[in-house]
PDB file of N, CA and C in Angstrom:
ATOM      1  N   MET A   1       0.664  -0.658  -0.175  1.00  0.00           N
ATOM      2  CA  MET A   1      -0.201   0.095  -0.341  1.00  0.00           C
ATOM      3  C   MET A   1       0.550   1.299   0.057  1.00  0.00           C
ATOM      4  N   LEU A   2       1.840   1.046   1.101  1.00  0.00           N
ATOM      5  CA  LEU A   2       2.551   2.124   1.139  1.00  0.00           C
ATOM      6  C   LEU A   2       3.426   2.719  -0.680  1.00  0.00           C
ATOM      7  N   PRO A   3       3.919   1.509  -0.992  1.00  0.00           N
ATOM      8  CA  PRO A   3       4.702   2.147  -1.758  1.00  0.00           C
ATOM      9  C   PRO A   3       4.641   2.448  -2.809  1.00  0.00           C
ATOM     10  N   PHE A   4       2.983   1.779  -3.319  1.00  0.00           N
ATOM     11  CA  PHE A   4       2.271   2.986  -4.111  1.00  0.00           C
ATOM     12  C   PHE A   4       1.617   3.855  -4.567  1.00  0.00           C
ATOM     13  N   PHE A   5       1.646   3.778  -2.674  1.00  0.00           N
ATOM     14  CA  PHE A   5       1.556   5.809  -2.492  1.00  0.00           C
ATOM     15  C   PHE A   5       2.606   6.424  -3.095  1.00  0.00           C
ATOM     16  N   LEU A   6       3.382   6.013  -2.081  1.00  0.00           N
ATOM     17  CA  LEU A   6       4.613   6.747  -2.594  1.00  0.00           C
ATOM     18  C   LEU A   6       5.259   6.501  -4.535  1.00  0.00           C
ATOM     19  N   GLU A   7       4.620   5.668  -4.738  1.00  0.00           N
ATOM     20  CA  GLU A   7       5.473   6.358  -6.340  1.00  0.00           C
ATOM     21  C   GLU A   7       3.877   7.294  -6.840  1.00  0.00           C
ATOM     22  N   ARG A   8       2.573   6.927  -6.444  1.00  0.00           N
ATOM     23  CA  ARG A   8       2.014   7.940  -6.894  1.00  0.00           C
ATOM     24  C   ARG A   8       1.824   9.287  -6.905  1.00  0.00           C
ATOM     25  N   GLU A   9       2.613   9.261  -5.778  1.00  0.00           N
ATOM     26  CA  GLU A   9       2.927  10.354  -5.214  1.00  0.00           C
ATOM     27  C   GLU A   9       3.855  10.874  -6.487  1.00  0.00           C
ATOM     28  N   VAL A  10       5.078  10.367  -5.960  1.00  0.00           N
ATOM     29  CA  VAL A  10       6.012  10.894  -6.892  1.00  0.00           C
ATOM     30  C   VAL A  10       5.708  11.197  -9.374  1.00  0.00           C
ATOM     31  N   ILE A  11       5.204  10.534  -9.444  1.00  0.00           N
ATOM     32  CA  ILE A  11       4.915  10.439 -10.521  1.00  0.00           C
ATOM     33  C   ILE A  11       3.949  11.488 -10.997  1.00  0.00           C
ATOM     34  N   TYR A  12       2.907  12.020  -9.572  1.00  0.00           N
ATOM     35  CA  TYR A  12       2.799  13.546  -9.818  1.00  0.00           C
ATOM     36  C   TYR A  12       2.443  14.739  -9.757  1.00  0.00           C
ATOM     37  N   LYS A  13       4.534  14.330  -8.730  1.00  0.00           N
ATOM     38  CA  LYS A  13       4.572  15.616  -8.387  1.00  0.00           C
ATOM     39  C   LYS A  13       5.659  15.821  -9.775  1.00  0.00           C
ATOM     40  N   GLY A  14       6.141  14.559 -10.976  1.00  0.00           N
ATOM     41  CA  GLY A  14       6.473  14.672 -12.065  1.00  0.00           C
ATOM     42  C   GLY A  14       6.111  15.324 -12.986  1.00  0.00           C
ATOM     43  N   MET A  15       5.195  14.587 -13.542  1.00  0.00           N
ATOM     44  CA  MET A  15       3.737  15.712 -14.007  1.00  0.00           C
ATOM     45  C   MET A  15       3.870  16.899 -13.348  1.00  0.00           C
ATOM     46  N   ASN A  16       3.699  17.035 -12.385  1.00  0.00           N
ATOM     47  CA  ASN A  16       3.549  18.267 -12.023  1.00  0.00           C
ATOM     48  C   ASN A  16       4.610  19.383 -12.338  1.00  0.00           C
ATOM     49  N   ALA A  17       6.085  19.268 -12.209  1.00  0.00           N
ATOM     50  CA  ALA A  17       6.755  19.337 -12.886  1.00  0.00           C
ATOM     51  C   ALA A  17       7.187  19.731 -13.771  1.00  0.00           C
ATOM     52  N   SER A  18       7.261  18.559 -14.847  1.00  0.00           N
ATOM     53  CA  SER A  18       7.195  18.568 -16.333  1.00  0.00           C
ATOM     54  C   SER A  18       5.893  19.695 -16.567  1.00  0.00           C
ATOM     55  N   GLY A  19       5.213  19.664 -16.184  1.00  0.00           N
ATOM     56  CA  GLY A  19       4.451  20.907 -16.942  1.00  0.00           C
ATOM     57  C   GLY A  19       4.659  21.462 -16.729  1.00  0.00           C
ATOM     58  N   TRP A  20       5.008  22.582 -15.532  1.00  0.00           N
ATOM     59  CA  TRP A  20       5.363  24.095 -14.800  1.00  0.00           C
ATOM     60  C   TRP A  20       6.391  24.467 -16.151  1.00  0.00           C
ATOM     61  N   ALA A  21       7.010  22.509 -16.102  1.00  0.00           N
ATOM     62  CA  ALA A  21       8.884  23.223 -16.832  1.00  0.00           C
ATOM     63  C   ALA A  21       7.942  23.707 -18.392  1.00  0.00           C
ATOM     64  N   MET A  22       7.338  22.573 -18.548  1.00  0.00           N
ATOM     65  CA  MET A  22       6.188  23.395 -20.245  1.00  0.00           C
ATOM     66  C   MET A  22       5.235  25.111 -20.048  1.00  0.00           C
ATOM     67  N   PHE A  23       5.398  24.592 -19.299  1.00  0.00           N
ATOM     68  CA  PHE A  23       4.373  25.983 -19.248  1.00  0.00           C
ATOM     69  C   PHE A  23       5.722  27.495 -19.312  1.00  0.00           C
ATOM     70  N   SER A  24       6.621  27.349 -18.745  1.00  0.00           N
ATOM     71  CA  SER A  24       7.084  28.261 -17.835  1.00  0.00           C
ATOM     72  C   SER A  24       8.002  29.365 -20.065  1.00  0.00           C
ATOM     73  N   ILE A  25       9.011  27.284 -20.010  1.00  0.00           N
ATOM     74  CA  ILE A  25       9.536  27.584 -21.715  1.00  0.00           C
ATOM     75  C   ILE A  25       8.307  28.579 -22.679  1.00  0.00           C
ATOM     76  N   LEU A  26       6.967  27.984 -22.445  1.00  0.00           N
ATOM     77  CA  LEU A  26       5.824  28.174 -23.757  1.00  0.00           C
ATOM     78  C   LEU A  26       5.711  30.289 -23.323  1.00  0.00           C
ATOM     79  N   MET A  27       6.107  30.345 -21.743  1.00  0.00           N
ATOM     80  CA  MET A  27       5.840  31.331 -21.185  1.00  0.00           C
ATOM     81  C   MET A  27       7.346  32.431 -21.314  1.00  0.00           C
ATOM     82  N   PHE A  28       8.651  32.203 -21.411  1.00  0.00           N
ATOM     83  CA  PHE A  28       9.636  32.679 -22.270  1.00  0.00           C
ATOM     84  C   PHE A  28      10.038  32.911 -23.760  1.00  0.00           C
ATOM     85  N   LYS A  29       9.568  31.515 -24.195  1.00  0.00           N
ATOM     86  CA  LYS A  29       9.599  32.258 -25.902  1.00  0.00           C
ATOM     87  C   LYS A  29       8.557  32.677 -26.558  1.00  0.00           C
ATOM     88  N   LYS A  30       7.476  32.935 -25.340  1.00  0.00           N
ATOM     89  CA  LYS A  30       6.310  33.841 -25.731  1.00  0.00           C
ATOM     90  C   LYS A  30       7.624  35.638 -25.854  1.00  0.00           C
ATOM     91  N   THR A  31       7.596  35.623 -24.527  1.00  0.00           N
ATOM     92  CA  THR A  31       8.389  36.872 -24.175  1.00  0.00           C
ATOM     93  C   THR A  31       9.590  37.706 -24.391  1.00  0.00           C
ATOM     94  N   VAL A  32      10.133  36.199 -25.270  1.00  0.00           N
ATOM     95  CA  VAL A  32      10.734  36.147 -26.057  1.00  0.00           C
ATOM     96  C   VAL A  32      10.729  36.714 -27.851  1.00  0.00           C
ATOM     97  N   VAL A  33      10.122  36.525 -28.017  1.00  0.00           N
ATOM     98  CA  VAL A  33       9.238  36.295 -29.248  1.00  0.00           C
ATOM     99  C   VAL A  33       8.743  37.924 -29.678  1.00  0.00           C
ATOM    100  N   SER A  34       8.333  37.925 -28.537  1.00  0.00           N
ATOM    101  CA  SER A  34       7.013  39.588 -28.206  1.00  0.00           C
ATOM    102  C   SER A  34       8.154  40.715 -28.495  1.00  0.00           C
ATOM    103  N   ASN A  35       9.466  40.375 -28.082  1.00  0.00           N
ATOM    104  CA  ASN A  35      10.444  41.313 -27.303  1.00  0.00           C
ATOM    105  C   ASN A  35      11.599  41.339 -28.799  1.00  0.00           C
ATOM    106  N   TRP A  36      11.289  39.801 -29.574  1.00  0.00           N
ATOM    107  CA  TRP A  36      12.866  39.866 -30.026  1.00  0.00           C
ATOM    108  C   TRP A  36      12.271  40.561 -31.713  1.00  0.00           C
ATOM    109  N   VAL A  37      10.511  40.581 -31.609  1.00  0.00           N
ATOM    110  CA  VAL A  37      10.076  40.592 -33.181  1.00  0.00           C
ATOM    111  C   VAL A  37       9.726  42.219 -33.627  1.00  0.00           C
ATOM    112  N   PRO A  38       9.481  43.240 -32.813  1.00  0.00           N
ATOM    113  CA  PRO A  38       9.497  45.094 -33.151  1.00  0.00           C
ATOM    114  C   PRO A  38      11.711  45.212 -32.311  1.00  0.00           C
ATOM    115  N   LEU A  39      12.290  43.945 -31.795  1.00  0.00           N
ATOM    116  CA  LEU A  39      13.372  44.714 -31.726  1.00  0.00           C
ATOM    117  C   LEU A  39      14.235  44.608 -33.455  1.00  0.00           C
ATOM    118  N   ARG A  40      13.746  43.169 -34.388  1.00  0.00           N
ATOM    119  CA  ARG A  40      14.724  43.311 -35.296  1.00  0.00           C
ATOM    120  C   ARG A  40      14.010  44.142 -36.501  1.00  0.00           C
ATOM    121  N   ALA A  41      12.367  44.675 -36.363  1.00  0.00           N
ATOM    122  CA  ALA A  41      11.670  45.186 -37.380  1.00  0.00           C
ATOM    123  C   ALA A  41      12.031  47.458 -37.069  1.00  0.00           C
ATOM    124  N   TYR A  42      12.220  47.419 -36.055  1.00  0.00           N
ATOM    125  CA  TYR A  42      13.330  48.320 -35.107  1.00  0.00           C
ATOM    126  C   TYR A  42      14.530  48.691 -35.888  1.00  0.00           C
ATOM    127  N   HIS A  43      15.003  47.813 -36.020  1.00  0.00           N
ATOM    128  CA  HIS A  43      16.992  47.590 -36.826  1.00  0.00           C
ATOM    129  C   HIS A  43      16.927  47.587 -38.135  1.00  0.00           C
ATOM    130  N   LYS A  44      16.039  46.507 -38.526  1.00  0.00           N
ATOM    131  CA  LYS A  44      15.438  46.838 -40.243  1.00  0.00           C
ATOM    132  C   LYS A  44      15.379  48.340 -41.012  1.00  0.00           C
ATOM    133  N   ASN A  45      14.239  49.449 -40.174  1.00  0.00           N
ATOM    134  CA  ASN A  45      14.353  50.415 -40.821  1.00  0.00           C
ATOM    135  C   ASN A  45      15.267  51.648 -40.345  1.00  0.00           C
TER     136      ASN A  45
END
């Protein structure tokens, strides 16, 4: 009973961590793109 519970807890925490990682990467990419595109447009002109 206990090992199963611990295993489930670890899997849940792992999924949560990878979910947060994906979320942070997506937010980071969004921020970089929204800052990078105007910068590129500015330098082209």
